[in-house]
Amino acid sequence: MRVLRSLLWIDCTAGLVVGALVLVLSPWLSRLYALPVALLLAMGVANVAYGTFSLSLARRATRPRALLALLVIANATWAVLCGAAIVVLAPWVTGLGLAHLLGEGLFVGGLAVLDWRHRALLMVAS
């Protein structure tokens, strides 16, 4: 139960940390993954933006249902985009790049499911 109450903190921390790492390491990751630096920078910015939004919710005493729904939609959309990127980029991306996209897609997809399933619990900070 405690982990579920901390879900938004896990959510925002993951988005901010992964986003910052991808931004800082994008030239190296580009070579490692065989992905364009511009795509990695866009992914990093999206993660930081998402993490910032999630942080804004985590810090609230009460969270509007509509904003929690928007968070779920953002996670689900990102999971779908990761899956689409795997399909489209598979011929060119390295195994590590595909693993990153798959891992990120599964992680945010799982967060979308958990956030939605426990949205009533998340409406009030613990």
N, C-alpha and C. Protein backbone atom coordinates (compact mmCIF):
# COMPACT_ATOMS: atom_id res chain seq x y z
N MET A 1 0.82 -1.20 0.00
CA MET A 1 0.00 0.00 0.00
C MET A 1 0.86 1.26 0.00
N ARG A 2 1.95 1.24 0.77
CA ARG A 2 2.84 2.41 0.85
C ARG A 2 3.47 2.70 -0.52
N VAL A 3 3.85 1.65 -1.23
CA VAL A 3 4.44 1.84 -2.57
C VAL A 3 3.42 2.49 -3.49
N LEU A 4 2.18 2.07 -3.40
CA LEU A 4 1.15 2.66 -4.25
C LEU A 4 0.96 4.13 -3.94
N ARG A 5 1.03 4.50 -2.68
CA ARG A 5 0.90 5.91 -2.30
C ARG A 5 2.10 6.73 -2.80
N SER A 6 3.22 6.07 -3.03
CA SER A 6 4.44 6.75 -3.51
C SER A 6 4.56 6.69 -5.02
N LEU A 7 3.55 6.18 -5.69
CA LEU A 7 3.62 5.95 -7.13
C LEU A 7 3.95 7.21 -7.92
N LEU A 8 3.36 8.34 -7.55
CA LEU A 8 3.65 9.58 -8.29
C LEU A 8 5.09 10.03 -8.07
N TRP A 9 5.64 9.78 -6.89
CA TRP A 9 7.04 10.13 -6.63
C TRP A 9 7.97 9.23 -7.44
N ILE A 10 7.63 7.96 -7.55
CA ILE A 10 8.41 7.04 -8.39
C ILE A 10 8.33 7.49 -9.83
N ASP A 11 7.13 7.83 -10.25
CA ASP A 11 6.85 8.29 -11.61
C ASP A 11 7.69 9.51 -11.97
N CYS A 12 7.65 10.54 -11.13
CA CYS A 12 8.36 11.78 -11.47
C CYS A 12 9.87 11.59 -11.37
N THR A 13 10.32 10.83 -10.39
CA THR A 13 11.76 10.60 -10.25
C THR A 13 12.31 9.86 -11.46
N ALA A 14 11.60 8.84 -11.90
CA ALA A 14 12.04 8.08 -13.07
C ALA A 14 12.09 8.97 -14.31
N GLY A 15 11.05 9.76 -14.53
CA GLY A 15 11.03 10.64 -15.70
C GLY A 15 12.15 11.65 -15.68
N LEU A 16 12.37 12.27 -14.53
CA LEU A 16 13.42 13.29 -14.43
C LEU A 16 14.82 12.68 -14.56
N VAL A 17 15.05 11.56 -13.89
CA VAL A 17 16.39 10.94 -13.93
C VAL A 17 16.69 10.42 -15.33
N VAL A 18 15.77 9.67 -15.90
CA VAL A 18 16.01 9.12 -17.25
C VAL A 18 16.15 10.25 -18.26
N GLY A 19 15.28 11.25 -18.16
CA GLY A 19 15.37 12.38 -19.09
C GLY A 19 16.70 13.09 -19.00
N ALA A 20 17.15 13.37 -17.78
CA ALA A 20 18.44 14.06 -17.60
C ALA A 20 19.59 13.21 -18.13
N LEU A 21 19.57 11.92 -17.83
CA LEU A 21 20.64 11.04 -18.31
C LEU A 21 20.67 10.96 -19.83
N VAL A 22 19.51 10.83 -20.45
CA VAL A 22 19.45 10.77 -21.91
C VAL A 22 19.95 12.08 -22.52
N LEU A 23 19.58 13.21 -21.92
CA LEU A 23 20.06 14.49 -22.44
C LEU A 23 21.57 14.61 -22.33
N VAL A 24 22.11 14.27 -21.18
CA VAL A 24 23.55 14.40 -20.95
C VAL A 24 24.35 13.39 -21.78
N LEU A 25 23.82 12.19 -21.91
CA LEU A 25 24.56 11.12 -22.58
C LEU A 25 24.17 10.92 -24.04
N SER A 26 23.35 11.81 -24.60
CA SER A 26 22.82 11.59 -25.95
C SER A 26 23.89 11.37 -27.02
N PRO A 27 25.03 12.07 -27.04
CA PRO A 27 26.02 11.77 -28.08
C PRO A 27 26.56 10.33 -27.96
N TRP A 28 26.83 9.91 -26.74
CA TRP A 28 27.34 8.56 -26.51
C TRP A 28 26.26 7.51 -26.81
N LEU A 29 25.03 7.78 -26.34
CA LEU A 29 23.93 6.84 -26.58
C LEU A 29 23.62 6.74 -28.07
N SER A 30 23.79 7.82 -28.80
CA SER A 30 23.56 7.80 -30.24
C SER A 30 24.46 6.77 -30.92
N ARG A 31 25.72 6.74 -30.54
CA ARG A 31 26.65 5.76 -31.10
C ARG A 31 26.33 4.35 -30.60
N LEU A 32 26.00 4.23 -29.33
CA LEU A 32 25.71 2.94 -28.72
C LEU A 32 24.43 2.32 -29.28
N TYR A 33 23.41 3.14 -29.49
CA TYR A 33 22.11 2.66 -29.93
C TYR A 33 21.91 2.75 -31.45
N ALA A 34 22.76 3.48 -32.14
CA ALA A 34 22.58 3.76 -33.57
C ALA A 34 21.28 4.53 -33.81
N LEU A 35 21.04 5.51 -32.94
CA LEU A 35 19.89 6.40 -33.08
C LEU A 35 20.40 7.82 -33.28
N PRO A 36 19.65 8.64 -34.00
CA PRO A 36 20.08 10.03 -34.18
C PRO A 36 20.08 10.79 -32.85
N VAL A 37 21.07 11.66 -32.68
CA VAL A 37 21.15 12.47 -31.47
C VAL A 37 19.87 13.28 -31.29
N ALA A 38 19.32 13.82 -32.37
CA ALA A 38 18.11 14.64 -32.29
C ALA A 38 16.94 13.84 -31.69
N LEU A 39 16.83 12.57 -32.05
CA LEU A 39 15.76 11.74 -31.50
C LEU A 39 15.98 11.52 -30.00
N LEU A 40 17.20 11.25 -29.62
CA LEU A 40 17.51 11.06 -28.20
C LEU A 40 17.28 12.34 -27.41
N LEU A 41 17.64 13.49 -27.97
CA LEU A 41 17.38 14.75 -27.30
C LEU A 41 15.88 14.98 -27.12
N ALA A 42 15.11 14.65 -28.14
CA ALA A 42 13.65 14.79 -28.05
C ALA A 42 13.10 13.86 -26.97
N MET A 43 13.62 12.65 -26.91
CA MET A 43 13.18 11.71 -25.86
C MET A 43 13.54 12.23 -24.48
N GLY A 44 14.74 12.79 -24.34
CA GLY A 44 15.16 13.33 -23.05
C GLY A 44 14.30 14.49 -22.61
N VAL A 45 14.01 15.39 -23.54
CA VAL A 45 13.16 16.55 -23.23
C VAL A 45 11.75 16.08 -22.85
N ALA A 46 11.22 15.11 -23.59
CA ALA A 46 9.88 14.59 -23.28
C ALA A 46 9.86 13.97 -21.88
N ASN A 47 10.90 13.22 -21.53
CA ASN A 47 10.96 12.62 -20.20
C ASN A 47 11.05 13.68 -19.10
N VAL A 48 11.86 14.70 -19.31
CA VAL A 48 11.98 15.76 -18.31
C VAL A 48 10.65 16.53 -18.19
N ALA A 49 10.01 16.82 -19.30
CA ALA A 49 8.72 17.51 -19.26
C ALA A 49 7.68 16.67 -18.53
N TYR A 50 7.64 15.38 -18.85
CA TYR A 50 6.71 14.49 -18.17
C TYR A 50 7.03 14.41 -16.67
N GLY A 51 8.30 14.25 -16.35
CA GLY A 51 8.71 14.16 -14.94
C GLY A 51 8.35 15.42 -14.17
N THR A 52 8.47 16.56 -14.82
CA THR A 52 8.10 17.83 -14.18
C THR A 52 6.60 17.90 -13.92
N PHE A 53 5.80 17.46 -14.89
CA PHE A 53 4.35 17.43 -14.71
C PHE A 53 3.98 16.47 -13.58
N SER A 54 4.58 15.29 -13.60
CA SER A 54 4.32 14.30 -12.55
C SER A 54 4.73 14.83 -11.18
N LEU A 55 5.85 15.54 -11.12
CA LEU A 55 6.30 16.14 -9.87
C LEU A 55 5.29 17.17 -9.36
N SER A 56 4.72 17.94 -10.29
CA SER A 56 3.73 18.94 -9.88
C SER A 56 2.51 18.27 -9.24
N LEU A 57 2.17 17.09 -9.70
CA LEU A 57 1.07 16.34 -9.08
C LEU A 57 1.49 15.72 -7.76
N ALA A 58 2.68 15.15 -7.72
CA ALA A 58 3.16 14.48 -6.50
C ALA A 58 3.21 15.46 -5.33
N ARG A 59 3.51 16.71 -5.59
CA ARG A 59 3.66 17.72 -4.53
C ARG A 59 2.31 18.24 -4.00
N ARG A 60 1.24 17.98 -4.70
CA ARG A 60 -0.08 18.48 -4.29
C ARG A 60 -0.67 17.63 -3.17
N ALA A 61 -1.40 18.29 -2.30
CA ALA A 61 -2.12 17.57 -1.23
C ALA A 61 -3.31 16.80 -1.82
N THR A 62 -3.99 17.43 -2.77
CA THR A 62 -5.08 16.76 -3.50
C THR A 62 -4.80 16.91 -4.99
N ARG A 63 -5.15 15.87 -5.71
CA ARG A 63 -4.87 15.85 -7.16
C ARG A 63 -6.17 15.70 -7.93
N PRO A 64 -6.42 16.63 -8.84
CA PRO A 64 -7.65 16.54 -9.64
C PRO A 64 -7.66 15.28 -10.51
N ARG A 65 -8.83 14.67 -10.57
CA ARG A 65 -9.00 13.45 -11.37
C ARG A 65 -8.58 13.68 -12.83
N ALA A 66 -8.90 14.85 -13.37
CA ALA A 66 -8.57 15.13 -14.77
C ALA A 66 -7.06 15.15 -14.99
N LEU A 67 -6.30 15.69 -14.05
CA LEU A 67 -4.84 15.71 -14.20
C LEU A 67 -4.24 14.32 -14.04
N LEU A 68 -4.82 13.51 -13.16
CA LEU A 68 -4.37 12.12 -13.05
C LEU A 68 -4.67 11.36 -14.34
N ALA A 69 -5.82 11.62 -14.93
CA ALA A 69 -6.17 10.98 -16.20
C ALA A 69 -5.19 11.42 -17.29
N LEU A 70 -4.83 12.69 -17.29
CA LEU A 70 -3.85 13.19 -18.27
C LEU A 70 -2.50 12.50 -18.08
N LEU A 71 -2.11 12.27 -16.85
CA LEU A 71 -0.86 11.56 -16.56
C LEU A 71 -0.91 10.14 -17.12
N VAL A 72 -2.02 9.47 -16.91
CA VAL A 72 -2.20 8.10 -17.43
C VAL A 72 -2.14 8.11 -18.96
N ILE A 73 -2.81 9.07 -19.58
CA ILE A 73 -2.81 9.17 -21.04
C ILE A 73 -1.39 9.42 -21.56
N ALA A 74 -0.64 10.29 -20.86
CA ALA A 74 0.74 10.57 -21.27
C ALA A 74 1.59 9.30 -21.18
N ASN A 75 1.47 8.56 -20.10
CA ASN A 75 2.23 7.31 -19.96
C ASN A 75 1.85 6.30 -21.02
N ALA A 76 0.55 6.12 -21.22
CA ALA A 76 0.09 5.15 -22.21
C ALA A 76 0.54 5.54 -23.62
N THR A 77 0.47 6.83 -23.92
CA THR A 77 0.90 7.31 -25.23
C THR A 77 2.40 7.07 -25.43
N TRP A 78 3.19 7.35 -24.39
CA TRP A 78 4.63 7.15 -24.49
C TRP A 78 4.94 5.67 -24.68
N ALA A 79 4.21 4.79 -24.01
CA ALA A 79 4.42 3.35 -24.18
C ALA A 79 4.13 2.94 -25.62
N VAL A 80 3.06 3.45 -26.19
CA VAL A 80 2.71 3.15 -27.59
C VAL A 80 3.79 3.69 -28.53
N LEU A 81 4.26 4.91 -28.27
CA LEU A 81 5.31 5.49 -29.11
C LEU A 81 6.61 4.68 -29.04
N CYS A 82 6.94 4.18 -27.86
CA CYS A 82 8.13 3.32 -27.74
C CYS A 82 7.95 2.05 -28.57
N GLY A 83 6.76 1.47 -28.51
CA GLY A 83 6.48 0.28 -29.32
C GLY A 83 6.56 0.58 -30.80
N ALA A 84 6.00 1.71 -31.22
CA ALA A 84 6.06 2.10 -32.63
C ALA A 84 7.51 2.34 -33.06
N ALA A 85 8.30 2.96 -32.19
CA ALA A 85 9.71 3.20 -32.50
C ALA A 85 10.46 1.88 -32.69
N ILE A 86 10.13 0.90 -31.86
CA ILE A 86 10.77 -0.42 -32.00
C ILE A 86 10.47 -1.01 -33.37
N VAL A 87 9.20 -0.96 -33.76
CA VAL A 87 8.79 -1.53 -35.05
C VAL A 87 9.46 -0.79 -36.21
N VAL A 88 9.43 0.53 -36.17
CA VAL A 88 9.94 1.33 -37.28
C VAL A 88 11.47 1.31 -37.35
N LEU A 89 12.11 1.38 -36.19
CA LEU A 89 13.57 1.53 -36.15
C LEU A 89 14.34 0.21 -36.03
N ALA A 90 13.64 -0.89 -35.85
CA ALA A 90 14.29 -2.18 -35.61
C ALA A 90 15.40 -2.54 -36.62
N PRO A 91 15.23 -2.24 -37.90
CA PRO A 91 16.29 -2.60 -38.84
C PRO A 91 17.62 -1.86 -38.62
N TRP A 92 17.58 -0.72 -37.96
CA TRP A 92 18.79 0.11 -37.83
C TRP A 92 19.34 0.19 -36.42
N VAL A 93 18.50 0.03 -35.43
CA VAL A 93 18.90 0.23 -34.04
C VAL A 93 19.62 -1.00 -33.51
N THR A 94 20.58 -0.76 -32.62
CA THR A 94 21.29 -1.89 -32.01
C THR A 94 20.39 -2.59 -30.99
N GLY A 95 20.82 -3.75 -30.55
CA GLY A 95 20.07 -4.49 -29.54
C GLY A 95 19.90 -3.70 -28.26
N LEU A 96 20.93 -2.95 -27.88
CA LEU A 96 20.83 -2.12 -26.67
C LEU A 96 19.80 -1.00 -26.84
N GLY A 97 19.76 -0.43 -28.03
CA GLY A 97 18.77 0.61 -28.31
C GLY A 97 17.36 0.05 -28.24
N LEU A 98 17.16 -1.13 -28.83
CA LEU A 98 15.85 -1.77 -28.76
C LEU A 98 15.49 -2.12 -27.32
N ALA A 99 16.48 -2.59 -26.56
CA ALA A 99 16.23 -2.92 -25.15
C ALA A 99 15.82 -1.68 -24.36
N HIS A 100 16.47 -0.55 -24.64
CA HIS A 100 16.11 0.71 -23.97
C HIS A 100 14.67 1.08 -24.28
N LEU A 101 14.32 1.05 -25.56
CA LEU A 101 12.96 1.41 -25.96
C LEU A 101 11.93 0.44 -25.37
N LEU A 102 12.25 -0.84 -25.38
CA LEU A 102 11.34 -1.83 -24.81
C LEU A 102 11.19 -1.64 -23.31
N GLY A 103 12.32 -1.46 -22.62
CA GLY A 103 12.27 -1.27 -21.17
C GLY A 103 11.49 -0.02 -20.79
N GLU A 104 11.74 1.07 -21.50
CA GLU A 104 11.03 2.31 -21.19
C GLU A 104 9.54 2.16 -21.48
N GLY A 105 9.22 1.53 -22.60
CA GLY A 105 7.82 1.32 -22.95
C GLY A 105 7.09 0.46 -21.93
N LEU A 106 7.73 -0.61 -21.49
CA LEU A 106 7.11 -1.47 -20.49
C LEU A 106 6.96 -0.76 -19.15
N PHE A 107 7.98 0.01 -18.76
CA PHE A 107 7.95 0.73 -17.50
C PHE A 107 6.81 1.75 -17.48
N VAL A 108 6.75 2.60 -18.50
CA VAL A 108 5.71 3.64 -18.50
C VAL A 108 4.33 3.04 -18.75
N GLY A 109 4.27 1.98 -19.51
CA GLY A 109 2.99 1.30 -19.69
C GLY A 109 2.49 0.71 -18.37
N GLY A 110 3.42 0.13 -17.61
CA GLY A 110 3.06 -0.39 -16.29
C GLY A 110 2.62 0.71 -15.35
N LEU A 111 3.30 1.86 -15.41
CA LEU A 111 2.89 3.00 -14.59
C LEU A 111 1.49 3.48 -14.98
N ALA A 112 1.20 3.49 -16.27
CA ALA A 112 -0.13 3.91 -16.72
C ALA A 112 -1.21 3.01 -16.12
N VAL A 113 -0.95 1.70 -16.14
CA VAL A 113 -1.91 0.75 -15.58
C VAL A 113 -2.07 0.97 -14.08
N LEU A 114 -0.95 1.07 -13.37
CA LEU A 114 -1.01 1.26 -11.91
C LEU A 114 -1.65 2.59 -11.54
N ASP A 115 -1.28 3.66 -12.24
CA ASP A 115 -1.86 4.98 -11.95
C ASP A 115 -3.37 4.96 -12.17
N TRP A 116 -3.80 4.31 -13.24
CA TRP A 116 -5.23 4.26 -13.53
C TRP A 116 -5.97 3.39 -12.51
N ARG A 117 -5.41 2.24 -12.24
CA ARG A 117 -6.05 1.29 -11.31
C ARG A 117 -6.19 1.89 -9.91
N HIS A 118 -5.23 2.71 -9.51
CA HIS A 118 -5.22 3.25 -8.16
C HIS A 118 -5.45 4.77 -8.12
N ARG A 119 -6.14 5.28 -9.13
CA ARG A 119 -6.35 6.72 -9.24
C ARG A 119 -7.09 7.30 -8.04
N ALA A 120 -8.02 6.56 -7.47
CA ALA A 120 -8.75 7.07 -6.30
C ALA A 120 -7.79 7.25 -5.11
N LEU A 121 -6.89 6.33 -4.94
CA LEU A 121 -5.89 6.41 -3.86
C LEU A 121 -4.93 7.58 -4.11
N LEU A 122 -4.60 7.82 -5.38
CA LEU A 122 -3.63 8.86 -5.73
C LEU A 122 -4.20 10.27 -5.67
N MET A 123 -5.51 10.38 -5.55
CA MET A 123 -6.13 11.71 -5.54
C MET A 123 -5.77 12.51 -4.28
N VAL A 124 -5.34 11.82 -3.24
CA VAL A 124 -4.98 12.49 -1.99
C VAL A 124 -3.58 12.03 -1.59
N ALA A 125 -2.71 12.96 -1.27
CA ALA A 125 -1.34 12.62 -0.84
C ALA A 125 -1.39 11.92 0.50
N SER A 126 -0.42 11.04 0.70
CA SER A 126 -0.38 10.31 1.98
C SER A 126 0.28 11.14 3.06
